ModelCIF file with pLDDT and N, C-alpha, C, O atoms, coordinates in Angstrom:
data_MODEL
#
_entry.id   MODEL 
#
_entity.id                         1 
_entity.type                       polymer 
_entity.pdbx_number_of_molecules   1 
#
_entity_poly.entity_id                      1 
_entity_poly.type                           'polypeptide(L)' 
_entity_poly.nstd_linkage                   no 
_entity_poly.nstd_monomer                   no 
_entity_poly.pdbx_seq_one_letter_code       ALHWAIVALLMAQFVVAWTMPEIRRGTKPETLINLHLSFGVVIL 
_entity_poly.pdbx_seq_one_letter_code_can   ALHWAIVALLMAQFVVAWTMPEIRRGTKPETLINLHLSFGVVIL 
_entity_poly.pdbx_strand_id                 A 
#
loop_
_entity_poly_seq.entity_id 
_entity_poly_seq.num 
_entity_poly_seq.mon_id 
_entity_poly_seq.hetero 
1 1  ALA n 
1 2  LEU n 
1 3  HIS n 
1 4  TRP n 
1 5  ALA n 
1 6  ILE n 
1 7  VAL n 
1 8  ALA n 
1 9  LEU n 
1 10 LEU n 
1 11 MET n 
1 12 ALA n 
1 13 GLN n 
1 14 PHE n 
1 15 VAL n 
1 16 VAL n 
1 17 ALA n 
1 18 TRP n 
1 19 THR n 
1 20 MET n 
1 21 PRO n 
1 22 GLU n 
1 23 ILE n 
1 24 ARG n 
1 25 ARG n 
1 26 GLY n 
1 27 THR n 
1 28 LYS n 
1 29 PRO n 
1 30 GLU n 
1 31 THR n 
1 32 LEU n 
1 33 ILE n 
1 34 ASN n 
1 35 LEU n 
1 36 HIS n 
1 37 LEU n 
1 38 SER n 
1 39 PHE n 
1 40 GLY n 
1 41 VAL n 
1 42 VAL n 
1 43 ILE n 
1 44 LEU n 
#
_struct_asym.id          A 
_struct_asym.entity_id   1 
#
loop_
_ma_qa_metric.id 
_ma_qa_metric.mode 
_ma_qa_metric.name 
_ma_qa_metric.software_group_id 
_ma_qa_metric.type 
1 global pLDDT . pLDDT 
2 local  pLDDT . pLDDT 
#
_ma_qa_metric_global.metric_id      1 
_ma_qa_metric_global.metric_value   95.14 
_ma_qa_metric_global.model_id       1 
_ma_qa_metric_global.ordinal_id     1 
#
loop_
_ma_qa_metric_local.label_asym_id 
_ma_qa_metric_local.label_comp_id 
_ma_qa_metric_local.label_seq_id 
_ma_qa_metric_local.metric_id 
_ma_qa_metric_local.metric_value 
_ma_qa_metric_local.model_id 
_ma_qa_metric_local.ordinal_id 
A ALA 1  2 97.00 1 1  
A LEU 2  2 97.00 1 2  
A HIS 3  2 97.00 1 3  
A TRP 4  2 97.00 1 4  
A ALA 5  2 98.00 1 5  
A ILE 6  2 98.00 1 6  
A VAL 7  2 98.00 1 7  
A ALA 8  2 98.00 1 8  
A LEU 9  2 98.00 1 9  
A LEU 10 2 98.00 1 10 
A MET 11 2 98.00 1 11 
A ALA 12 2 97.00 1 12 
A GLN 13 2 97.00 1 13 
A PHE 14 2 97.00 1 14 
A VAL 15 2 97.00 1 15 
A VAL 16 2 97.00 1 16 
A ALA 17 2 96.00 1 17 
A TRP 18 2 95.00 1 18 
A THR 19 2 97.00 1 19 
A MET 20 2 95.00 1 20 
A PRO 21 2 93.00 1 21 
A GLU 22 2 91.00 1 22 
A ILE 23 2 91.00 1 23 
A ARG 24 2 89.00 1 24 
A ARG 25 2 87.00 1 25 
A GLY 26 2 88.00 1 26 
A THR 27 2 91.00 1 27 
A LYS 28 2 90.00 1 28 
A PRO 29 2 91.00 1 29 
A GLU 30 2 91.00 1 30 
A THR 31 2 93.00 1 31 
A LEU 32 2 95.00 1 32 
A ILE 33 2 95.00 1 33 
A ASN 34 2 94.00 1 34 
A LEU 35 2 95.00 1 35 
A HIS 36 2 96.00 1 36 
A LEU 37 2 96.00 1 37 
A SER 38 2 96.00 1 38 
A PHE 39 2 96.00 1 39 
A GLY 40 2 97.00 1 40 
A VAL 41 2 97.00 1 41 
A VAL 42 2 97.00 1 42 
A ILE 43 2 98.00 1 43 
A LEU 44 2 97.00 1 44 
#
loop_
_atom_site.group_PDB 
_atom_site.id 
_atom_site.type_symbol 
_atom_site.label_atom_id 
_atom_site.label_alt_id 
_atom_site.label_comp_id 
_atom_site.label_asym_id 
_atom_site.label_entity_id 
_atom_site.label_seq_id 
_atom_site.pdbx_PDB_ins_code 
_atom_site.Cartn_x 
_atom_site.Cartn_y 
_atom_site.Cartn_z 
_atom_site.occupancy 
_atom_site.B_iso_or_equiv 
_atom_site.pdbx_formal_charge 
_atom_site.auth_seq_id 
_atom_site.auth_comp_id 
_atom_site.auth_asym_id 
_atom_site.auth_atom_id 
_atom_site.pdbx_PDB_model_num 
ATOM 1   N N  . ALA A 1 1  ? 80.913 -34.084 164.682 1.00 97.00 ? 1  ALA A N  1 
ATOM 2   C CA . ALA A 1 1  ? 80.177 -32.825 163.796 1.00 97.00 ? 1  ALA A CA 1 
ATOM 3   C C  . ALA A 1 1  ? 79.982 -31.426 164.692 1.00 97.00 ? 1  ALA A C  1 
ATOM 4   O O  . ALA A 1 1  ? 79.592 -30.304 164.370 1.00 97.00 ? 1  ALA A O  1 
ATOM 5   N N  . LEU A 1 2  ? 80.224 -31.737 165.384 1.00 97.00 ? 2  LEU A N  1 
ATOM 6   C CA . LEU A 1 2  ? 79.709 -30.163 166.635 1.00 97.00 ? 2  LEU A CA 1 
ATOM 7   C C  . LEU A 1 2  ? 81.419 -30.193 166.948 1.00 97.00 ? 2  LEU A C  1 
ATOM 8   O O  . LEU A 1 2  ? 82.007 -29.116 166.848 1.00 97.00 ? 2  LEU A O  1 
ATOM 9   N N  . HIS A 1 3  ? 82.038 -31.157 167.243 1.00 97.00 ? 3  HIS A N  1 
ATOM 10  C CA . HIS A 1 3  ? 83.327 -30.763 167.407 1.00 97.00 ? 3  HIS A CA 1 
ATOM 11  C C  . HIS A 1 3  ? 84.022 -30.223 166.324 1.00 97.00 ? 3  HIS A C  1 
ATOM 12  O O  . HIS A 1 3  ? 85.081 -29.622 166.507 1.00 97.00 ? 3  HIS A O  1 
ATOM 13  N N  . TRP A 1 4  ? 83.580 -30.362 165.312 1.00 97.00 ? 4  TRP A N  1 
ATOM 14  C CA . TRP A 1 4  ? 85.216 -29.320 164.266 1.00 97.00 ? 4  TRP A CA 1 
ATOM 15  C C  . TRP A 1 4  ? 83.709 -28.479 163.770 1.00 97.00 ? 4  TRP A C  1 
ATOM 16  O O  . TRP A 1 4  ? 84.138 -27.344 163.982 1.00 97.00 ? 4  TRP A O  1 
ATOM 17  N N  . ALA A 1 5  ? 82.457 -28.272 163.333 1.00 98.00 ? 5  ALA A N  1 
ATOM 18  C CA . ALA A 1 5  ? 81.879 -26.981 163.312 1.00 98.00 ? 5  ALA A CA 1 
ATOM 19  C C  . ALA A 1 5  ? 82.768 -25.412 164.408 1.00 98.00 ? 5  ALA A C  1 
ATOM 20  O O  . ALA A 1 5  ? 83.146 -24.274 164.129 1.00 98.00 ? 5  ALA A O  1 
ATOM 21  N N  . ILE A 1 6  ? 82.737 -26.378 165.812 1.00 98.00 ? 6  ILE A N  1 
ATOM 22  C CA . ILE A 1 6  ? 83.415 -25.341 166.871 1.00 98.00 ? 6  ILE A CA 1 
ATOM 23  C C  . ILE A 1 6  ? 84.438 -25.250 166.511 1.00 98.00 ? 6  ILE A C  1 
ATOM 24  O O  . ILE A 1 6  ? 84.954 -24.183 166.844 1.00 98.00 ? 6  ILE A O  1 
ATOM 25  N N  . VAL A 1 7  ? 85.488 -26.346 165.542 1.00 98.00 ? 7  VAL A N  1 
ATOM 26  C CA . VAL A 1 7  ? 87.203 -25.842 165.676 1.00 98.00 ? 7  VAL A CA 1 
ATOM 27  C C  . VAL A 1 7  ? 87.226 -24.713 164.192 1.00 98.00 ? 7  VAL A C  1 
ATOM 28  O O  . VAL A 1 7  ? 88.104 -23.853 164.114 1.00 98.00 ? 7  VAL A O  1 
ATOM 29  N N  . ALA A 1 8  ? 86.055 -24.884 162.988 1.00 98.00 ? 8  ALA A N  1 
ATOM 30  C CA . ALA A 1 8  ? 85.955 -24.225 162.031 1.00 98.00 ? 8  ALA A CA 1 
ATOM 31  C C  . ALA A 1 8  ? 85.248 -23.417 162.230 1.00 98.00 ? 8  ALA A C  1 
ATOM 32  O O  . ALA A 1 8  ? 85.776 -22.688 161.389 1.00 98.00 ? 8  ALA A O  1 
ATOM 33  N N  . LEU A 1 9  ? 84.017 -22.475 162.819 1.00 98.00 ? 9  LEU A N  1 
ATOM 34  C CA . LEU A 1 9  ? 84.369 -21.494 163.619 1.00 98.00 ? 9  LEU A CA 1 
ATOM 35  C C  . LEU A 1 9  ? 85.074 -20.786 164.505 1.00 98.00 ? 9  LEU A C  1 
ATOM 36  O O  . LEU A 1 9  ? 85.085 -19.555 164.494 1.00 98.00 ? 9  LEU A O  1 
ATOM 37  N N  . LEU A 1 10 ? 85.560 -21.327 165.139 1.00 98.00 ? 10 LEU A N  1 
ATOM 38  C CA . LEU A 1 10 ? 86.662 -20.386 165.338 1.00 98.00 ? 10 LEU A CA 1 
ATOM 39  C C  . LEU A 1 10 ? 88.340 -20.145 165.056 1.00 98.00 ? 10 LEU A C  1 
ATOM 40  O O  . LEU A 1 10 ? 89.173 -19.472 165.664 1.00 98.00 ? 10 LEU A O  1 
ATOM 41  N N  . MET A 1 11 ? 88.427 -20.954 163.932 1.00 98.00 ? 11 MET A N  1 
ATOM 42  C CA . MET A 1 11 ? 89.580 -20.743 163.119 1.00 98.00 ? 11 MET A CA 1 
ATOM 43  C C  . MET A 1 11 ? 89.116 -19.134 162.108 1.00 98.00 ? 11 MET A C  1 
ATOM 44  O O  . MET A 1 11 ? 89.699 -18.142 161.669 1.00 98.00 ? 11 MET A O  1 
ATOM 45  N N  . ALA A 1 12 ? 87.874 -19.642 162.133 1.00 97.00 ? 12 ALA A N  1 
ATOM 46  C CA . ALA A 1 12 ? 86.725 -18.459 161.041 1.00 97.00 ? 12 ALA A CA 1 
ATOM 47  C C  . ALA A 1 12 ? 87.132 -16.913 161.985 1.00 97.00 ? 12 ALA A C  1 
ATOM 48  O O  . ALA A 1 12 ? 87.464 -15.797 161.587 1.00 97.00 ? 12 ALA A O  1 
ATOM 49  N N  . GLN A 1 13 ? 86.987 -17.303 162.944 1.00 97.00 ? 13 GLN A N  1 
ATOM 50  C CA . GLN A 1 13 ? 86.789 -15.708 163.854 1.00 97.00 ? 13 GLN A CA 1 
ATOM 51  C C  . GLN A 1 13 ? 87.787 -15.225 164.262 1.00 97.00 ? 13 GLN A C  1 
ATOM 52  O O  . GLN A 1 13 ? 87.986 -14.021 164.426 1.00 97.00 ? 13 GLN A O  1 
ATOM 53  N N  . PHE A 1 14 ? 88.771 -16.396 164.544 1.00 97.00 ? 14 PHE A N  1 
ATOM 54  C CA . PHE A 1 14 ? 90.166 -15.606 164.202 1.00 97.00 ? 14 PHE A CA 1 
ATOM 55  C C  . PHE A 1 14 ? 90.768 -14.772 163.506 1.00 97.00 ? 14 PHE A C  1 
ATOM 56  O O  . PHE A 1 14 ? 91.452 -13.798 163.824 1.00 97.00 ? 14 PHE A O  1 
ATOM 57  N N  . VAL A 1 15 ? 90.432 -15.274 162.347 1.00 97.00 ? 15 VAL A N  1 
ATOM 58  C CA . VAL A 1 15 ? 90.692 -14.601 160.870 1.00 97.00 ? 15 VAL A CA 1 
ATOM 59  C C  . VAL A 1 15 ? 90.153 -13.324 160.706 1.00 97.00 ? 15 VAL A C  1 
ATOM 60  O O  . VAL A 1 15 ? 90.786 -12.348 160.303 1.00 97.00 ? 15 VAL A O  1 
ATOM 61  N N  . VAL A 1 16 ? 88.890 -13.342 161.047 1.00 97.00 ? 16 VAL A N  1 
ATOM 62  C CA . VAL A 1 16 ? 88.233 -12.339 161.065 1.00 97.00 ? 16 VAL A CA 1 
ATOM 63  C C  . VAL A 1 16 ? 88.324 -11.306 161.778 1.00 97.00 ? 16 VAL A C  1 
ATOM 64  O O  . VAL A 1 16 ? 88.116 -10.163 161.372 1.00 97.00 ? 16 VAL A O  1 
ATOM 65  N N  . ALA A 1 17 ? 88.836 -11.810 163.579 1.00 96.00 ? 17 ALA A N  1 
ATOM 66  C CA . ALA A 1 17 ? 89.504 -10.933 164.550 1.00 96.00 ? 17 ALA A CA 1 
ATOM 67  C C  . ALA A 1 17 ? 90.765 -9.942  164.013 1.00 96.00 ? 17 ALA A C  1 
ATOM 68  O O  . ALA A 1 17 ? 90.696 -8.717  163.920 1.00 96.00 ? 17 ALA A O  1 
ATOM 69  N N  . TRP A 1 18 ? 91.930 -10.781 163.684 1.00 95.00 ? 18 TRP A N  1 
ATOM 70  C CA . TRP A 1 18 ? 92.804 -10.524 163.364 1.00 95.00 ? 18 TRP A CA 1 
ATOM 71  C C  . TRP A 1 18 ? 93.249 -9.367  162.248 1.00 95.00 ? 18 TRP A C  1 
ATOM 72  O O  . TRP A 1 18 ? 94.189 -8.616  161.987 1.00 95.00 ? 18 TRP A O  1 
ATOM 73  N N  . THR A 1 19 ? 91.817 -9.774  161.731 1.00 97.00 ? 19 THR A N  1 
ATOM 74  C CA . THR A 1 19 ? 91.922 -8.742  160.350 1.00 97.00 ? 19 THR A CA 1 
ATOM 75  C C  . THR A 1 19 ? 91.200 -7.794  160.511 1.00 97.00 ? 19 THR A C  1 
ATOM 76  O O  . THR A 1 19 ? 91.490 -6.854  159.771 1.00 97.00 ? 19 THR A O  1 
ATOM 77  N N  . MET A 1 20 ? 90.188 -7.592  161.313 1.00 95.00 ? 20 MET A N  1 
ATOM 78  C CA . MET A 1 20 ? 89.351 -6.484  160.740 1.00 95.00 ? 20 MET A CA 1 
ATOM 79  C C  . MET A 1 20 ? 90.012 -5.169  162.404 1.00 95.00 ? 20 MET A C  1 
ATOM 80  O O  . MET A 1 20 ? 90.574 -5.772  163.319 1.00 95.00 ? 20 MET A O  1 
ATOM 81  N N  . PRO A 1 21 ? 89.849 -3.480  162.580 1.00 93.00 ? 21 PRO A N  1 
ATOM 82  C CA . PRO A 1 21 ? 90.366 -2.580  162.284 1.00 93.00 ? 21 PRO A CA 1 
ATOM 83  C C  . PRO A 1 21 ? 90.429 -2.749  164.410 1.00 93.00 ? 21 PRO A C  1 
ATOM 84  O O  . PRO A 1 21 ? 89.624 -3.548  164.889 1.00 93.00 ? 21 PRO A O  1 
ATOM 85  N N  . GLU A 1 22 ? 91.194 -2.126  165.214 1.00 91.00 ? 22 GLU A N  1 
ATOM 86  C CA . GLU A 1 22 ? 91.053 -1.981  166.247 1.00 91.00 ? 22 GLU A CA 1 
ATOM 87  C C  . GLU A 1 22 ? 89.628 -1.238  166.936 1.00 91.00 ? 22 GLU A C  1 
ATOM 88  O O  . GLU A 1 22 ? 89.022 -0.278  166.460 1.00 91.00 ? 22 GLU A O  1 
ATOM 89  N N  . ILE A 1 23 ? 89.333 -1.920  168.079 1.00 91.00 ? 23 ILE A N  1 
ATOM 90  C CA . ILE A 1 23 ? 88.445 -0.652  168.355 1.00 91.00 ? 23 ILE A CA 1 
ATOM 91  C C  . ILE A 1 23 ? 88.365 0.144   169.421 1.00 91.00 ? 23 ILE A C  1 
ATOM 92  O O  . ILE A 1 23 ? 88.271 -0.163  170.609 1.00 91.00 ? 23 ILE A O  1 
ATOM 93  N N  . ARG A 1 24 ? 88.400 0.987   169.007 1.00 89.00 ? 24 ARG A N  1 
ATOM 94  C CA . ARG A 1 24 ? 88.305 2.270   169.952 1.00 89.00 ? 24 ARG A CA 1 
ATOM 95  C C  . ARG A 1 24 ? 87.297 3.000   170.029 1.00 89.00 ? 24 ARG A C  1 
ATOM 96  O O  . ARG A 1 24 ? 86.208 2.554   169.668 1.00 89.00 ? 24 ARG A O  1 
ATOM 97  N N  . ARG A 1 25 ? 87.432 4.366   170.544 1.00 87.00 ? 25 ARG A N  1 
ATOM 98  C CA . ARG A 1 25 ? 86.588 5.247   171.098 1.00 87.00 ? 25 ARG A CA 1 
ATOM 99  C C  . ARG A 1 25 ? 85.643 5.925   169.179 1.00 87.00 ? 25 ARG A C  1 
ATOM 100 O O  . ARG A 1 25 ? 86.479 6.505   168.486 1.00 87.00 ? 25 ARG A O  1 
ATOM 101 N N  . GLY A 1 26 ? 84.667 5.874   168.720 1.00 88.00 ? 26 GLY A N  1 
ATOM 102 C CA . GLY A 1 26 ? 84.159 6.277   167.621 1.00 88.00 ? 26 GLY A CA 1 
ATOM 103 C C  . GLY A 1 26 ? 84.368 5.718   166.582 1.00 88.00 ? 26 GLY A C  1 
ATOM 104 O O  . GLY A 1 26 ? 84.087 6.305   165.537 1.00 88.00 ? 26 GLY A O  1 
ATOM 105 N N  . THR A 1 27 ? 85.041 4.140   166.548 1.00 91.00 ? 27 THR A N  1 
ATOM 106 C CA . THR A 1 27 ? 85.033 3.213   165.990 1.00 91.00 ? 27 THR A CA 1 
ATOM 107 C C  . THR A 1 27 ? 83.271 2.856   165.282 1.00 91.00 ? 27 THR A C  1 
ATOM 108 O O  . THR A 1 27 ? 82.371 2.807   166.120 1.00 91.00 ? 27 THR A O  1 
ATOM 109 N N  . LYS A 1 28 ? 82.950 2.665   164.019 1.00 90.00 ? 28 LYS A N  1 
ATOM 110 C CA . LYS A 1 28 ? 82.458 2.615   163.729 1.00 90.00 ? 28 LYS A CA 1 
ATOM 111 C C  . LYS A 1 28 ? 82.390 1.053   163.368 1.00 90.00 ? 28 LYS A C  1 
ATOM 112 O O  . LYS A 1 28 ? 83.237 0.701   162.547 1.00 90.00 ? 28 LYS A O  1 
ATOM 113 N N  . PRO A 1 29 ? 81.107 -0.418  164.073 1.00 91.00 ? 29 PRO A N  1 
ATOM 114 C CA . PRO A 1 29 ? 81.099 -1.774  163.255 1.00 91.00 ? 29 PRO A CA 1 
ATOM 115 C C  . PRO A 1 29 ? 80.363 -1.805  162.035 1.00 91.00 ? 29 PRO A C  1 
ATOM 116 O O  . PRO A 1 29 ? 79.154 -1.784  161.803 1.00 91.00 ? 29 PRO A O  1 
ATOM 117 N N  . GLU A 1 30 ? 81.554 -1.869  161.182 1.00 91.00 ? 30 GLU A N  1 
ATOM 118 C CA . GLU A 1 30 ? 81.140 -2.053  159.711 1.00 91.00 ? 30 GLU A CA 1 
ATOM 119 C C  . GLU A 1 30 ? 81.209 -3.753  159.627 1.00 91.00 ? 30 GLU A C  1 
ATOM 120 O O  . GLU A 1 30 ? 80.948 -4.635  160.446 1.00 91.00 ? 30 GLU A O  1 
ATOM 121 N N  . THR A 1 31 ? 81.703 -3.763  158.192 1.00 93.00 ? 31 THR A N  1 
ATOM 122 C CA . THR A 1 31 ? 81.691 -5.530  157.790 1.00 93.00 ? 31 THR A CA 1 
ATOM 123 C C  . THR A 1 31 ? 82.136 -6.414  158.465 1.00 93.00 ? 31 THR A C  1 
ATOM 124 O O  . THR A 1 31 ? 81.383 -7.335  158.782 1.00 93.00 ? 31 THR A O  1 
ATOM 125 N N  . LEU A 1 32 ? 83.718 -6.408  158.965 1.00 95.00 ? 32 LEU A N  1 
ATOM 126 C CA . LEU A 1 32 ? 84.262 -7.580  159.371 1.00 95.00 ? 32 LEU A CA 1 
ATOM 127 C C  . LEU A 1 32 ? 83.882 -7.473  161.044 1.00 95.00 ? 32 LEU A C  1 
ATOM 128 O O  . LEU A 1 32 ? 83.571 -8.375  161.822 1.00 95.00 ? 32 LEU A O  1 
ATOM 129 N N  . ILE A 1 33 ? 84.060 -5.752  161.311 1.00 95.00 ? 33 ILE A N  1 
ATOM 130 C CA . ILE A 1 33 ? 83.603 -6.653  163.212 1.00 95.00 ? 33 ILE A CA 1 
ATOM 131 C C  . ILE A 1 33 ? 81.730 -6.814  163.544 1.00 95.00 ? 33 ILE A C  1 
ATOM 132 O O  . ILE A 1 33 ? 81.157 -7.080  164.601 1.00 95.00 ? 33 ILE A O  1 
ATOM 133 N N  . ASN A 1 34 ? 81.334 -6.614  162.578 1.00 94.00 ? 34 ASN A N  1 
ATOM 134 C CA . ASN A 1 34 ? 80.013 -7.167  162.363 1.00 94.00 ? 34 ASN A CA 1 
ATOM 135 C C  . ASN A 1 34 ? 79.496 -8.610  162.314 1.00 94.00 ? 34 ASN A C  1 
ATOM 136 O O  . ASN A 1 34 ? 78.582 -9.331  162.715 1.00 94.00 ? 34 ASN A O  1 
ATOM 137 N N  . LEU A 1 35 ? 80.976 -8.602  161.355 1.00 95.00 ? 35 LEU A N  1 
ATOM 138 C CA . LEU A 1 35 ? 81.368 -10.405 161.200 1.00 95.00 ? 35 LEU A CA 1 
ATOM 139 C C  . LEU A 1 35 ? 81.565 -11.018 162.327 1.00 95.00 ? 35 LEU A C  1 
ATOM 140 O O  . LEU A 1 35 ? 80.795 -11.729 162.972 1.00 95.00 ? 35 LEU A O  1 
ATOM 141 N N  . HIS A 1 36 ? 82.648 -10.702 162.531 1.00 96.00 ? 36 HIS A N  1 
ATOM 142 C CA . HIS A 1 36 ? 83.111 -11.379 164.097 1.00 96.00 ? 36 HIS A CA 1 
ATOM 143 C C  . HIS A 1 36 ? 82.107 -11.272 165.250 1.00 96.00 ? 36 HIS A C  1 
ATOM 144 O O  . HIS A 1 36 ? 81.979 -12.175 166.077 1.00 96.00 ? 36 HIS A O  1 
ATOM 145 N N  . LEU A 1 37 ? 81.258 -9.907  165.280 1.00 96.00 ? 37 LEU A N  1 
ATOM 146 C CA . LEU A 1 37 ? 79.921 -10.426 165.856 1.00 96.00 ? 37 LEU A CA 1 
ATOM 147 C C  . LEU A 1 37 ? 78.979 -11.673 166.072 1.00 96.00 ? 37 LEU A C  1 
ATOM 148 O O  . LEU A 1 37 ? 78.631 -12.202 167.127 1.00 96.00 ? 37 LEU A O  1 
ATOM 149 N N  . SER A 1 38 ? 78.676 -11.979 164.807 1.00 96.00 ? 38 SER A N  1 
ATOM 150 C CA . SER A 1 38 ? 78.226 -12.487 164.398 1.00 96.00 ? 38 SER A CA 1 
ATOM 151 C C  . SER A 1 38 ? 78.896 -14.320 164.433 1.00 96.00 ? 38 SER A C  1 
ATOM 152 O O  . SER A 1 38 ? 78.570 -15.497 164.586 1.00 96.00 ? 38 SER A O  1 
ATOM 153 N N  . PHE A 1 39 ? 79.542 -13.790 164.277 1.00 96.00 ? 39 PHE A N  1 
ATOM 154 C CA . PHE A 1 39 ? 80.391 -15.448 164.423 1.00 96.00 ? 39 PHE A CA 1 
ATOM 155 C C  . PHE A 1 39 ? 80.458 -16.206 166.067 1.00 96.00 ? 39 PHE A C  1 
ATOM 156 O O  . PHE A 1 39 ? 80.411 -17.399 166.365 1.00 96.00 ? 39 PHE A O  1 
ATOM 157 N N  . GLY A 1 40 ? 80.589 -14.956 166.961 1.00 97.00 ? 40 GLY A N  1 
ATOM 158 C CA . GLY A 1 40 ? 80.211 -15.418 168.223 1.00 97.00 ? 40 GLY A CA 1 
ATOM 159 C C  . GLY A 1 40 ? 79.168 -15.146 168.437 1.00 97.00 ? 40 GLY A C  1 
ATOM 160 O O  . GLY A 1 40 ? 79.053 -15.372 169.642 1.00 97.00 ? 40 GLY A O  1 
ATOM 161 N N  . VAL A 1 41 ? 78.391 -14.842 168.132 1.00 97.00 ? 41 VAL A N  1 
ATOM 162 C CA . VAL A 1 41 ? 77.046 -15.610 168.435 1.00 97.00 ? 41 VAL A CA 1 
ATOM 163 C C  . VAL A 1 41 ? 76.712 -17.288 167.732 1.00 97.00 ? 41 VAL A C  1 
ATOM 164 O O  . VAL A 1 41 ? 76.545 -18.393 168.250 1.00 97.00 ? 41 VAL A O  1 
ATOM 165 N N  . VAL A 1 42 ? 76.719 -16.975 166.853 1.00 97.00 ? 42 VAL A N  1 
ATOM 166 C CA . VAL A 1 42 ? 77.326 -18.703 166.607 1.00 97.00 ? 42 VAL A CA 1 
ATOM 167 C C  . VAL A 1 42 ? 77.589 -19.753 167.153 1.00 97.00 ? 42 VAL A C  1 
ATOM 168 O O  . VAL A 1 42 ? 77.011 -20.836 167.242 1.00 97.00 ? 42 VAL A O  1 
ATOM 169 N N  . ILE A 1 43 ? 79.333 -18.994 167.840 1.00 98.00 ? 43 ILE A N  1 
ATOM 170 C CA . ILE A 1 43 ? 79.641 -20.228 168.306 1.00 98.00 ? 43 ILE A CA 1 
ATOM 171 C C  . ILE A 1 43 ? 79.032 -20.208 169.909 1.00 98.00 ? 43 ILE A C  1 
ATOM 172 O O  . ILE A 1 43 ? 78.943 -21.299 170.472 1.00 98.00 ? 43 ILE A O  1 
ATOM 173 N N  . LEU A 1 44 ? 78.673 -19.154 170.540 1.00 97.00 ? 44 LEU A N  1 
ATOM 174 C CA . LEU A 1 44 ? 77.626 -18.859 171.607 1.00 97.00 ? 44 LEU A CA 1 
ATOM 175 C C  . LEU A 1 44 ? 76.800 -20.644 171.472 1.00 97.00 ? 44 LEU A C  1 
ATOM 176 O O  . LEU A 1 44 ? 75.837 -20.933 172.182 1.00 97.00 ? 44 LEU A O  1 
#
């Protein structure tokens, strides 16, 4: 269960990472960036 949970989280994380806007100076953390950060903490 832990193995497959990590697999599902990583798949979701990569989808979010590839669809979120590029982070540059002045970028505001909106929905996709916040979701990416949240998935990262859950993966950790």
